[in-house]
Amino acid sequence: MKKTITTLLTLTMAASLAGCGSKPADEPTKSQGTVIESAVDFYTEVWAAFGEDKQFAAVGGDAANEAEAPAKFAMTDENKETFEYLLHVNDDLYDMLDDDAATLQHMMNTNTFSSAFTKLKDSSKAEEFAEDYKAEIQEQHWMCGFPDKVVVISVADYVMMAYGAEECIDDLVEACSEVAPDSTVLVDAPAVLD
């Protein structure tokens, strides 16, 4: 009798341990990080997280999608030169970006705030992109309205790149971390080297 009870207990324990750690097939899996449906949707959330007191007169998007908020910037051959000019991105950096991008610039002076949130073709190159972008900004010969900082933030398969006044850039970093707590600041550096 003891042998039968012991065997039953052992089998019951083995069955319960075998089920340990597995979940029913219909139970949804939890996301391991921020899920981004589109660059515009994400950047719109970040812009809202600034709060009205920290938002400024801004314009986003390309000529076909222009809005006074973050807006789609189509990464086409026709738009390449404009994107590179606004963000101070060179050809190599541009070629690392996929066609899911949203931009936002200060309406009066792009050196006060200029930014883009874009998907990378290869997310494993986020750090390389960040370092190259920092170097590109720091090598600019600014004519007026010198920006204070450059920042690159990694979120999922995307990067947020921006340069401008310190207060605006710090507000962006804070808003981005509020919307995506798993975001990583890859670069936070002076935009102008002494």
N, C-alpha and C. Protein backbone atom coordinates (compact mmCIF):
# COMPACT_ATOMS: atom_id res chain seq x y z
N MET A 1 0.83 -1.20 0.00
CA MET A 1 0.00 0.00 0.00
C MET A 1 0.87 1.26 0.00
N LYS A 2 1.94 1.23 0.86
CA LYS A 2 2.85 2.38 0.91
C LYS A 2 3.49 2.62 -0.44
N LYS A 3 3.86 1.49 -1.13
CA LYS A 3 4.48 1.61 -2.44
C LYS A 3 3.54 2.27 -3.44
N THR A 4 2.27 1.91 -3.40
CA THR A 4 1.28 2.47 -4.31
C THR A 4 1.10 3.95 -4.05
N ILE A 5 1.00 4.37 -2.80
CA ILE A 5 0.84 5.79 -2.44
C ILE A 5 2.08 6.57 -2.85
N THR A 6 3.24 6.01 -2.58
CA THR A 6 4.48 6.67 -2.94
C THR A 6 4.58 6.84 -4.45
N THR A 7 4.22 5.81 -5.20
CA THR A 7 4.24 5.88 -6.66
C THR A 7 3.27 6.94 -7.17
N LEU A 8 2.06 6.97 -6.60
CA LEU A 8 1.07 7.97 -7.01
C LEU A 8 1.55 9.39 -6.71
N LEU A 9 2.10 9.57 -5.52
CA LEU A 9 2.63 10.89 -5.16
C LEU A 9 3.77 11.30 -6.09
N THR A 10 4.64 10.38 -6.41
CA THR A 10 5.76 10.67 -7.30
C THR A 10 5.26 11.05 -8.69
N LEU A 11 4.28 10.30 -9.20
CA LEU A 11 3.72 10.61 -10.52
C LEU A 11 3.01 11.97 -10.52
N THR A 12 2.27 12.25 -9.44
CA THR A 12 1.57 13.54 -9.33
C THR A 12 2.56 14.69 -9.31
N MET A 13 3.63 14.51 -8.52
CA MET A 13 4.66 15.54 -8.43
C MET A 13 5.35 15.74 -9.77
N ALA A 14 5.67 14.66 -10.46
CA ALA A 14 6.33 14.74 -11.75
C ALA A 14 5.45 15.45 -12.77
N ALA A 15 4.16 15.14 -12.74
CA ALA A 15 3.22 15.78 -13.68
C ALA A 15 3.10 17.27 -13.40
N SER A 16 3.08 17.65 -12.11
CA SER A 16 2.95 19.07 -11.80
C SER A 16 4.24 19.82 -12.13
N LEU A 17 5.39 19.19 -11.95
CA LEU A 17 6.66 19.83 -12.30
C LEU A 17 6.82 19.96 -13.80
N ALA A 18 6.32 18.97 -14.54
CA ALA A 18 6.43 19.04 -15.99
C ALA A 18 5.65 20.22 -16.54
N GLY A 19 4.56 20.58 -15.89
CA GLY A 19 3.75 21.72 -16.33
C GLY A 19 4.29 23.04 -15.85
N CYS A 20 5.24 23.00 -14.95
CA CYS A 20 5.81 24.23 -14.39
C CYS A 20 6.53 25.00 -15.47
N GLY A 21 6.27 26.28 -15.56
CA GLY A 21 6.97 27.12 -16.52
C GLY A 21 6.31 27.17 -17.88
N SER A 22 5.42 26.24 -18.17
CA SER A 22 4.72 26.33 -19.45
C SER A 22 3.42 27.07 -19.24
N LYS A 23 2.92 27.65 -20.31
CA LYS A 23 1.67 28.39 -20.20
C LYS A 23 0.69 27.87 -21.22
N PRO A 24 -0.59 28.02 -20.94
CA PRO A 24 -1.58 27.55 -21.90
C PRO A 24 -1.37 28.24 -23.25
N ALA A 25 -1.73 27.52 -24.32
CA ALA A 25 -1.51 28.03 -25.67
C ALA A 25 -2.26 29.32 -25.94
N ASP A 26 -3.41 29.53 -25.28
CA ASP A 26 -4.19 30.73 -25.56
C ASP A 26 -3.79 31.93 -24.71
N GLU A 27 -2.83 31.75 -23.81
CA GLU A 27 -2.38 32.87 -22.98
C GLU A 27 -1.42 33.74 -23.78
N PRO A 28 -1.69 35.07 -23.90
CA PRO A 28 -0.80 35.92 -24.70
C PRO A 28 0.57 36.04 -24.05
N THR A 29 1.58 36.16 -24.90
CA THR A 29 2.93 36.36 -24.37
C THR A 29 3.11 37.84 -24.06
N LYS A 30 3.85 38.10 -23.02
CA LYS A 30 4.10 39.49 -22.63
C LYS A 30 5.23 40.05 -23.47
N SER A 31 5.10 41.30 -23.85
CA SER A 31 6.12 41.98 -24.65
C SER A 31 7.38 42.17 -23.83
N GLN A 32 8.51 41.95 -24.47
CA GLN A 32 9.79 42.11 -23.79
C GLN A 32 10.29 43.54 -23.87
N GLY A 33 9.61 44.42 -24.58
CA GLY A 33 10.04 45.80 -24.71
C GLY A 33 9.00 46.60 -25.46
N THR A 34 9.39 47.81 -25.78
CA THR A 34 8.49 48.71 -26.49
C THR A 34 8.20 48.17 -27.89
N VAL A 35 6.92 48.14 -28.23
CA VAL A 35 6.50 47.74 -29.57
C VAL A 35 6.12 49.01 -30.32
N ILE A 36 6.70 49.20 -31.48
CA ILE A 36 6.47 50.42 -32.26
C ILE A 36 5.68 50.06 -33.51
N GLU A 37 4.48 50.63 -33.61
CA GLU A 37 3.64 50.40 -34.79
C GLU A 37 4.12 51.25 -35.97
N SER A 38 4.48 52.50 -35.68
CA SER A 38 5.02 53.38 -36.71
C SER A 38 5.82 54.48 -36.04
N ALA A 39 6.75 55.04 -36.78
CA ALA A 39 7.58 56.13 -36.25
C ALA A 39 6.71 57.32 -35.86
N VAL A 40 5.71 57.64 -36.68
CA VAL A 40 4.84 58.79 -36.40
C VAL A 40 4.06 58.57 -35.11
N ASP A 41 3.48 57.39 -34.94
CA ASP A 41 2.70 57.11 -33.74
C ASP A 41 3.56 57.23 -32.47
N PHE A 42 4.76 56.64 -32.53
CA PHE A 42 5.63 56.70 -31.37
C PHE A 42 6.05 58.13 -31.06
N TYR A 43 6.49 58.86 -32.10
CA TYR A 43 6.96 60.23 -31.87
C TYR A 43 5.81 61.12 -31.40
N THR A 44 4.60 60.85 -31.86
CA THR A 44 3.45 61.62 -31.40
C THR A 44 3.24 61.42 -29.90
N GLU A 45 3.43 60.20 -29.41
CA GLU A 45 3.34 59.93 -27.97
C GLU A 45 4.43 60.68 -27.21
N VAL A 46 5.63 60.66 -27.75
CA VAL A 46 6.75 61.36 -27.10
C VAL A 46 6.46 62.86 -27.04
N TRP A 47 5.97 63.42 -28.14
CA TRP A 47 5.67 64.85 -28.19
C TRP A 47 4.59 65.20 -27.17
N ALA A 48 3.59 64.35 -27.02
CA ALA A 48 2.55 64.57 -26.02
C ALA A 48 3.13 64.51 -24.61
N ALA A 49 4.13 63.65 -24.40
CA ALA A 49 4.76 63.52 -23.08
C ALA A 49 5.58 64.75 -22.70
N PHE A 50 5.94 65.58 -23.67
CA PHE A 50 6.60 66.85 -23.36
C PHE A 50 5.71 67.68 -22.44
N GLY A 51 4.41 67.63 -22.70
CA GLY A 51 3.47 68.48 -21.98
C GLY A 51 3.40 69.84 -22.66
N GLU A 52 2.23 70.46 -22.61
CA GLU A 52 2.02 71.74 -23.29
C GLU A 52 2.99 72.82 -22.83
N ASP A 53 3.40 72.78 -21.57
CA ASP A 53 4.29 73.83 -21.05
C ASP A 53 5.70 73.74 -21.65
N LYS A 54 6.09 72.56 -22.17
CA LYS A 54 7.44 72.41 -22.73
C LYS A 54 7.43 72.31 -24.25
N GLN A 55 6.26 72.17 -24.85
CA GLN A 55 6.18 72.13 -26.30
C GLN A 55 6.46 73.52 -26.87
N PHE A 56 6.90 73.57 -28.10
CA PHE A 56 7.24 74.83 -28.77
C PHE A 56 6.66 74.79 -30.18
N ALA A 57 6.67 75.94 -30.83
CA ALA A 57 6.17 76.00 -32.22
C ALA A 57 7.07 75.11 -33.07
N ALA A 58 6.47 74.10 -33.70
CA ALA A 58 7.27 73.12 -34.42
C ALA A 58 6.58 72.70 -35.71
N VAL A 59 7.36 72.10 -36.57
CA VAL A 59 6.84 71.54 -37.81
C VAL A 59 7.53 70.20 -38.05
N GLY A 60 6.78 69.26 -38.58
CA GLY A 60 7.34 67.94 -38.84
C GLY A 60 6.95 67.43 -40.20
N GLY A 61 7.66 66.40 -40.65
CA GLY A 61 7.33 65.73 -41.90
C GLY A 61 7.98 66.32 -43.13
N ASP A 62 7.76 65.64 -44.24
CA ASP A 62 8.25 66.14 -45.52
C ASP A 62 7.19 67.05 -46.14
N ALA A 63 7.44 67.54 -47.34
CA ALA A 63 6.52 68.49 -47.97
C ALA A 63 5.12 67.91 -48.15
N ALA A 64 5.02 66.63 -48.42
CA ALA A 64 3.71 66.00 -48.65
C ALA A 64 2.97 65.69 -47.35
N ASN A 65 3.68 65.64 -46.23
CA ASN A 65 3.07 65.22 -44.96
C ASN A 65 3.22 66.27 -43.86
N GLU A 66 3.57 67.48 -44.20
CA GLU A 66 3.89 68.52 -43.22
C GLU A 66 2.75 68.77 -42.22
N ALA A 67 3.15 68.91 -40.95
CA ALA A 67 2.19 69.18 -39.87
C ALA A 67 2.91 69.93 -38.76
N GLU A 68 2.14 70.55 -37.89
CA GLU A 68 2.73 71.25 -36.74
C GLU A 68 2.84 70.28 -35.57
N ALA A 69 3.40 69.13 -35.85
CA ALA A 69 3.58 68.03 -34.90
C ALA A 69 4.51 67.02 -35.58
N PRO A 70 4.93 65.98 -34.87
CA PRO A 70 5.72 64.95 -35.56
C PRO A 70 4.92 64.40 -36.74
N ALA A 71 5.57 64.26 -37.87
CA ALA A 71 4.88 63.79 -39.07
C ALA A 71 5.80 62.91 -39.91
N LYS A 72 5.18 62.13 -40.79
CA LYS A 72 5.93 61.20 -41.64
C LYS A 72 6.89 61.94 -42.56
N PHE A 73 8.08 61.39 -42.63
CA PHE A 73 9.07 61.85 -43.59
C PHE A 73 9.42 60.65 -44.45
N ALA A 74 8.95 60.65 -45.70
CA ALA A 74 9.21 59.54 -46.61
C ALA A 74 10.68 59.56 -47.02
N MET A 75 11.35 58.43 -46.80
CA MET A 75 12.77 58.33 -47.10
C MET A 75 12.96 57.93 -48.56
N THR A 76 12.68 58.87 -49.45
CA THR A 76 12.76 58.63 -50.89
C THR A 76 13.97 59.35 -51.47
N ASP A 77 14.27 59.03 -52.71
CA ASP A 77 15.37 59.71 -53.41
C ASP A 77 15.10 61.21 -53.50
N GLU A 78 13.81 61.56 -53.72
CA GLU A 78 13.43 62.97 -53.84
C GLU A 78 13.61 63.73 -52.53
N ASN A 79 13.42 63.04 -51.40
CA ASN A 79 13.49 63.69 -50.08
C ASN A 79 14.86 63.58 -49.41
N LYS A 80 15.74 62.78 -49.99
CA LYS A 80 17.04 62.50 -49.35
C LYS A 80 17.82 63.77 -49.02
N GLU A 81 17.95 64.65 -49.97
CA GLU A 81 18.74 65.88 -49.77
C GLU A 81 18.15 66.73 -48.65
N THR A 82 16.83 66.85 -48.59
CA THR A 82 16.18 67.65 -47.54
C THR A 82 16.41 67.02 -46.17
N PHE A 83 16.26 65.70 -46.08
CA PHE A 83 16.49 65.01 -44.80
C PHE A 83 17.93 65.21 -44.34
N GLU A 84 18.87 65.03 -45.26
CA GLU A 84 20.28 65.18 -44.91
C GLU A 84 20.59 66.61 -44.47
N TYR A 85 19.97 67.57 -45.11
CA TYR A 85 20.18 68.97 -44.75
C TYR A 85 19.60 69.29 -43.37
N LEU A 86 18.37 68.86 -43.12
CA LEU A 86 17.71 69.17 -41.84
C LEU A 86 18.37 68.51 -40.64
N LEU A 87 18.79 67.26 -40.82
CA LEU A 87 19.34 66.49 -39.71
C LEU A 87 20.86 66.42 -39.70
N HIS A 88 21.51 66.98 -40.72
CA HIS A 88 22.97 66.88 -40.87
C HIS A 88 23.41 65.43 -40.88
N VAL A 89 22.73 64.66 -41.72
CA VAL A 89 23.03 63.25 -41.92
C VAL A 89 23.78 63.11 -43.23
N ASN A 90 24.87 62.36 -43.24
CA ASN A 90 25.60 62.13 -44.48
C ASN A 90 25.02 60.92 -45.23
N ASP A 91 25.53 60.64 -46.41
CA ASP A 91 25.00 59.55 -47.24
C ASP A 91 25.08 58.20 -46.54
N ASP A 92 26.21 57.94 -45.85
CA ASP A 92 26.37 56.65 -45.17
C ASP A 92 25.34 56.46 -44.07
N LEU A 93 25.09 57.51 -43.30
CA LEU A 93 24.08 57.44 -42.24
C LEU A 93 22.69 57.27 -42.84
N TYR A 94 22.40 58.02 -43.89
CA TYR A 94 21.09 57.93 -44.55
C TYR A 94 20.83 56.50 -45.03
N ASP A 95 21.86 55.88 -45.57
CA ASP A 95 21.71 54.52 -46.10
C ASP A 95 21.46 53.49 -45.00
N MET A 96 21.71 53.81 -43.75
CA MET A 96 21.45 52.91 -42.63
C MET A 96 19.99 52.95 -42.17
N LEU A 97 19.23 53.91 -42.71
CA LEU A 97 17.85 54.13 -42.25
C LEU A 97 16.83 53.49 -43.17
N ASP A 98 15.77 52.98 -42.56
CA ASP A 98 14.68 52.36 -43.30
C ASP A 98 13.60 53.40 -43.57
N ASP A 99 12.60 53.03 -44.36
CA ASP A 99 11.56 53.99 -44.72
C ASP A 99 10.41 54.00 -43.72
N ASP A 100 10.73 54.25 -42.47
CA ASP A 100 9.71 54.54 -41.45
C ASP A 100 10.32 55.63 -40.58
N ALA A 101 9.97 56.86 -40.88
CA ALA A 101 10.60 58.00 -40.21
C ALA A 101 9.59 59.09 -39.92
N ALA A 102 9.81 59.77 -38.79
CA ALA A 102 9.02 60.95 -38.43
C ALA A 102 10.01 62.02 -38.00
N THR A 103 9.74 63.26 -38.39
CA THR A 103 10.64 64.35 -38.03
C THR A 103 9.89 65.44 -37.28
N LEU A 104 10.65 66.26 -36.57
CA LEU A 104 10.12 67.43 -35.87
C LEU A 104 11.24 68.44 -35.71
N GLN A 105 10.99 69.68 -36.16
CA GLN A 105 11.96 70.76 -36.03
C GLN A 105 11.30 71.97 -35.39
N HIS A 106 12.13 72.77 -34.72
CA HIS A 106 11.65 74.05 -34.20
C HIS A 106 11.26 74.91 -35.40
N MET A 107 10.10 75.54 -35.32
CA MET A 107 9.58 76.29 -36.47
C MET A 107 10.41 77.53 -36.81
N MET A 108 11.05 78.15 -35.81
CA MET A 108 11.78 79.38 -36.05
C MET A 108 13.27 79.16 -36.35
N ASN A 109 13.87 78.13 -35.74
CA ASN A 109 15.30 77.92 -35.89
C ASN A 109 15.61 76.44 -35.69
N THR A 110 16.00 75.76 -36.75
CA THR A 110 16.26 74.32 -36.63
C THR A 110 17.44 74.02 -35.69
N ASN A 111 18.33 74.98 -35.47
CA ASN A 111 19.43 74.75 -34.53
C ASN A 111 18.96 74.76 -33.08
N THR A 112 17.74 75.26 -32.84
CA THR A 112 17.16 75.20 -31.50
C THR A 112 16.66 73.78 -31.22
N PHE A 113 16.12 73.14 -32.25
CA PHE A 113 15.68 71.75 -32.10
C PHE A 113 15.43 71.16 -33.48
N SER A 114 16.12 70.08 -33.78
CA SER A 114 15.90 69.35 -35.01
C SER A 114 16.04 67.87 -34.69
N SER A 115 15.04 67.08 -35.13
CA SER A 115 15.04 65.68 -34.71
C SER A 115 14.36 64.78 -35.74
N ALA A 116 14.67 63.49 -35.61
CA ALA A 116 14.00 62.46 -36.40
C ALA A 116 13.96 61.18 -35.60
N PHE A 117 12.89 60.44 -35.77
CA PHE A 117 12.76 59.11 -35.18
C PHE A 117 12.63 58.16 -36.35
N THR A 118 13.61 57.29 -36.54
CA THR A 118 13.66 56.46 -37.73
C THR A 118 14.01 55.02 -37.41
N LYS A 119 13.50 54.14 -38.26
CA LYS A 119 13.83 52.72 -38.13
C LYS A 119 15.19 52.47 -38.79
N LEU A 120 15.98 51.62 -38.16
CA LEU A 120 17.27 51.22 -38.73
C LEU A 120 17.07 49.98 -39.60
N LYS A 121 17.81 49.89 -40.69
CA LYS A 121 17.77 48.68 -41.51
C LYS A 121 18.34 47.51 -40.73
N ASP A 122 19.35 47.79 -39.91
CA ASP A 122 20.01 46.77 -39.09
C ASP A 122 20.15 47.30 -37.67
N SER A 123 19.28 46.83 -36.77
CA SER A 123 19.27 47.37 -35.40
C SER A 123 20.56 47.06 -34.64
N SER A 124 21.34 46.09 -35.10
CA SER A 124 22.60 45.79 -34.41
C SER A 124 23.63 46.90 -34.64
N LYS A 125 23.34 47.82 -35.55
CA LYS A 125 24.27 48.91 -35.85
C LYS A 125 23.87 50.22 -35.17
N ALA A 126 23.01 50.15 -34.16
CA ALA A 126 22.54 51.36 -33.48
C ALA A 126 23.70 52.15 -32.87
N GLU A 127 24.61 51.48 -32.19
CA GLU A 127 25.73 52.19 -31.55
C GLU A 127 26.65 52.81 -32.59
N GLU A 128 26.89 52.10 -33.67
CA GLU A 128 27.72 52.63 -34.76
C GLU A 128 27.06 53.88 -35.35
N PHE A 129 25.75 53.79 -35.58
CA PHE A 129 25.01 54.94 -36.11
C PHE A 129 25.14 56.13 -35.15
N ALA A 130 24.94 55.87 -33.85
CA ALA A 130 24.98 56.94 -32.84
C ALA A 130 26.33 57.64 -32.82
N GLU A 131 27.39 56.89 -32.82
CA GLU A 131 28.73 57.48 -32.78
C GLU A 131 29.03 58.27 -34.05
N ASP A 132 28.63 57.72 -35.19
CA ASP A 132 28.88 58.42 -36.46
C ASP A 132 28.03 59.69 -36.55
N TYR A 133 26.81 59.62 -36.03
CA TYR A 133 25.95 60.82 -36.06
C TYR A 133 26.52 61.91 -35.15
N LYS A 134 26.98 61.52 -33.97
CA LYS A 134 27.60 62.49 -33.05
C LYS A 134 28.78 63.18 -33.74
N ALA A 135 29.63 62.39 -34.38
CA ALA A 135 30.80 62.95 -35.08
C ALA A 135 30.36 63.90 -36.18
N GLU A 136 29.31 63.53 -36.91
CA GLU A 136 28.82 64.37 -38.01
C GLU A 136 28.32 65.72 -37.47
N ILE A 137 27.59 65.70 -36.37
CA ILE A 137 27.08 66.95 -35.78
C ILE A 137 28.24 67.80 -35.25
N GLN A 138 29.16 67.16 -34.55
CA GLN A 138 30.27 67.90 -33.94
C GLN A 138 31.23 68.48 -34.98
N GLU A 139 31.21 67.96 -36.20
CA GLU A 139 32.09 68.47 -37.26
C GLU A 139 31.43 69.57 -38.10
N GLN A 140 30.18 69.92 -37.79
CA GLN A 140 29.50 70.97 -38.54
C GLN A 140 30.13 72.34 -38.26
N HIS A 141 30.08 73.21 -39.24
CA HIS A 141 30.53 74.59 -39.08
C HIS A 141 29.27 75.45 -39.00
N TRP A 142 28.81 75.69 -37.77
CA TRP A 142 27.55 76.39 -37.54
C TRP A 142 27.72 77.88 -37.82
N MET A 143 26.75 78.46 -38.49
CA MET A 143 26.81 79.89 -38.83
C MET A 143 26.20 80.75 -37.72
N CYS A 144 25.08 80.32 -37.18
CA CYS A 144 24.42 81.08 -36.11
C CYS A 144 23.51 80.15 -35.33
N GLY A 145 23.15 80.54 -34.15
CA GLY A 145 22.25 79.72 -33.34
C GLY A 145 22.84 78.36 -33.04
N PHE A 146 24.06 78.35 -32.51
CA PHE A 146 24.76 77.09 -32.24
C PHE A 146 23.93 76.17 -31.35
N PRO A 147 23.76 74.91 -31.72
CA PRO A 147 23.08 73.95 -30.84
C PRO A 147 23.98 73.60 -29.66
N ASP A 148 23.36 73.26 -28.54
CA ASP A 148 24.13 72.89 -27.35
C ASP A 148 24.50 71.41 -27.33
N LYS A 149 23.51 70.57 -27.68
CA LYS A 149 23.69 69.12 -27.48
C LYS A 149 23.26 68.32 -28.69
N VAL A 150 23.81 67.12 -28.77
CA VAL A 150 23.36 66.10 -29.71
C VAL A 150 23.02 64.86 -28.90
N VAL A 151 21.94 64.20 -29.29
CA VAL A 151 21.52 63.00 -28.58
C VAL A 151 21.06 61.95 -29.59
N VAL A 152 21.35 60.69 -29.27
CA VAL A 152 20.82 59.56 -30.03
C VAL A 152 20.31 58.56 -29.00
N ILE A 153 19.05 58.17 -29.18
CA ILE A 153 18.39 57.25 -28.26
C ILE A 153 17.95 56.03 -29.05
N SER A 154 18.22 54.85 -28.53
CA SER A 154 17.80 53.61 -29.16
C SER A 154 16.51 53.12 -28.52
N VAL A 155 15.51 52.81 -29.37
CA VAL A 155 14.24 52.25 -28.90
C VAL A 155 13.85 51.15 -29.87
N ALA A 156 13.86 49.91 -29.40
CA ALA A 156 13.56 48.75 -30.25
C ALA A 156 14.48 48.79 -31.48
N ASP A 157 13.90 48.78 -32.70
CA ASP A 157 14.69 48.80 -33.93
C ASP A 157 14.86 50.21 -34.48
N TYR A 158 14.63 51.21 -33.65
CA TYR A 158 14.62 52.60 -34.09
C TYR A 158 15.66 53.42 -33.34
N VAL A 159 15.96 54.59 -33.92
CA VAL A 159 16.78 55.58 -33.22
C VAL A 159 16.09 56.93 -33.27
N MET A 160 16.19 57.63 -32.15
CA MET A 160 15.77 59.03 -32.07
C MET A 160 17.06 59.83 -32.13
N MET A 161 17.18 60.70 -33.12
CA MET A 161 18.37 61.55 -33.22
C MET A 161 17.92 63.00 -33.13
N ALA A 162 18.67 63.81 -32.42
CA ALA A 162 18.29 65.21 -32.28
C ALA A 162 19.50 66.04 -31.89
N TYR A 163 19.43 67.31 -32.27
CA TYR A 163 20.41 68.29 -31.79
C TYR A 163 19.65 69.57 -31.52
N GLY A 164 20.21 70.40 -30.61
CA GLY A 164 19.54 71.66 -30.33
C GLY A 164 19.90 72.22 -28.97
N ALA A 165 19.01 73.09 -28.48
CA ALA A 165 19.20 73.72 -27.17
C ALA A 165 19.12 72.66 -26.08
N GLU A 166 19.95 72.82 -25.07
CA GLU A 166 20.05 71.82 -24.00
C GLU A 166 18.70 71.49 -23.38
N GLU A 167 17.92 72.51 -23.07
CA GLU A 167 16.62 72.29 -22.42
C GLU A 167 15.69 71.45 -23.30
N CYS A 168 15.65 71.76 -24.58
CA CYS A 168 14.79 71.00 -25.51
C CYS A 168 15.25 69.55 -25.63
N ILE A 169 16.55 69.35 -25.72
CA ILE A 169 17.09 67.99 -25.84
C ILE A 169 16.84 67.20 -24.56
N ASP A 170 17.04 67.82 -23.41
CA ASP A 170 16.78 67.14 -22.14
C ASP A 170 15.31 66.77 -22.01
N ASP A 171 14.42 67.66 -22.47
CA ASP A 171 12.98 67.36 -22.44
C ASP A 171 12.66 66.17 -23.35
N LEU A 172 13.33 66.08 -24.49
CA LEU A 172 13.14 64.96 -25.40
C LEU A 172 13.56 63.65 -24.75
N VAL A 173 14.73 63.64 -24.13
CA VAL A 173 15.23 62.43 -23.47
C VAL A 173 14.26 61.99 -22.38
N GLU A 174 13.78 62.93 -21.58
CA GLU A 174 12.84 62.62 -20.50
C GLU A 174 11.52 62.07 -21.05
N ALA A 175 10.99 62.72 -22.09
CA ALA A 175 9.72 62.27 -22.68
C ALA A 175 9.87 60.89 -23.32
N CYS A 176 10.99 60.67 -23.97
CA CYS A 176 11.23 59.38 -24.62
C CYS A 176 11.31 58.26 -23.59
N SER A 177 11.99 58.52 -22.47
CA SER A 177 12.10 57.49 -21.43
C SER A 177 10.77 57.25 -20.72
N GLU A 178 9.91 58.26 -20.71
CA GLU A 178 8.58 58.09 -20.12
C GLU A 178 7.72 57.18 -21.01
N VAL A 179 7.78 57.39 -22.32
CA VAL A 179 6.99 56.59 -23.26
C VAL A 179 7.59 55.19 -23.43
N ALA A 180 8.91 55.10 -23.44
CA ALA A 180 9.60 53.82 -23.63
C ALA A 180 10.66 53.65 -22.54
N PRO A 181 10.27 53.13 -21.37
CA PRO A 181 11.23 52.98 -20.27
C PRO A 181 12.44 52.13 -20.63
N ASP A 182 12.32 51.29 -21.66
CA ASP A 182 13.44 50.45 -22.07
C ASP A 182 14.35 51.13 -23.10
N SER A 183 14.10 52.41 -23.37
CA SER A 183 14.96 53.13 -24.32
C SER A 183 16.36 53.31 -23.72
N THR A 184 17.33 53.44 -24.59
CA THR A 184 18.73 53.59 -24.16
C THR A 184 19.34 54.81 -24.82
N VAL A 185 19.89 55.70 -24.01
CA VAL A 185 20.59 56.87 -24.54
C VAL A 185 21.98 56.40 -24.97
N LEU A 186 22.24 56.43 -26.27
CA LEU A 186 23.53 56.00 -26.80
C LEU A 186 24.53 57.15 -26.87
N VAL A 187 24.02 58.36 -27.11
CA VAL A 187 24.87 59.55 -27.17
C VAL A 187 24.14 60.69 -26.49
N ASP A 188 24.82 61.39 -25.64
CA ASP A 188 24.34 62.64 -25.03
C ASP A 188 25.60 63.47 -24.86
N ALA A 189 25.85 64.35 -25.83
CA ALA A 189 27.15 65.03 -25.89
C ALA A 189 27.00 66.45 -26.38
N PRO A 190 28.03 67.26 -26.18
CA PRO A 190 27.99 68.63 -26.72
C PRO A 190 27.91 68.57 -28.25
N ALA A 191 27.14 69.45 -28.84
CA ALA A 191 27.03 69.50 -30.29
C ALA A 191 28.21 70.24 -30.92
N VAL A 192 28.82 71.10 -30.14
CA VAL A 192 29.94 71.90 -30.63
C VAL A 192 31.15 71.60 -29.75
N LEU A 193 32.26 71.23 -30.36
CA LEU A 193 33.48 70.97 -29.60
C LEU A 193 34.28 72.25 -29.48
N ASP A 194 34.88 72.47 -28.32
CA ASP A 194 35.72 73.66 -28.11
C ASP A 194 37.06 73.51 -28.81
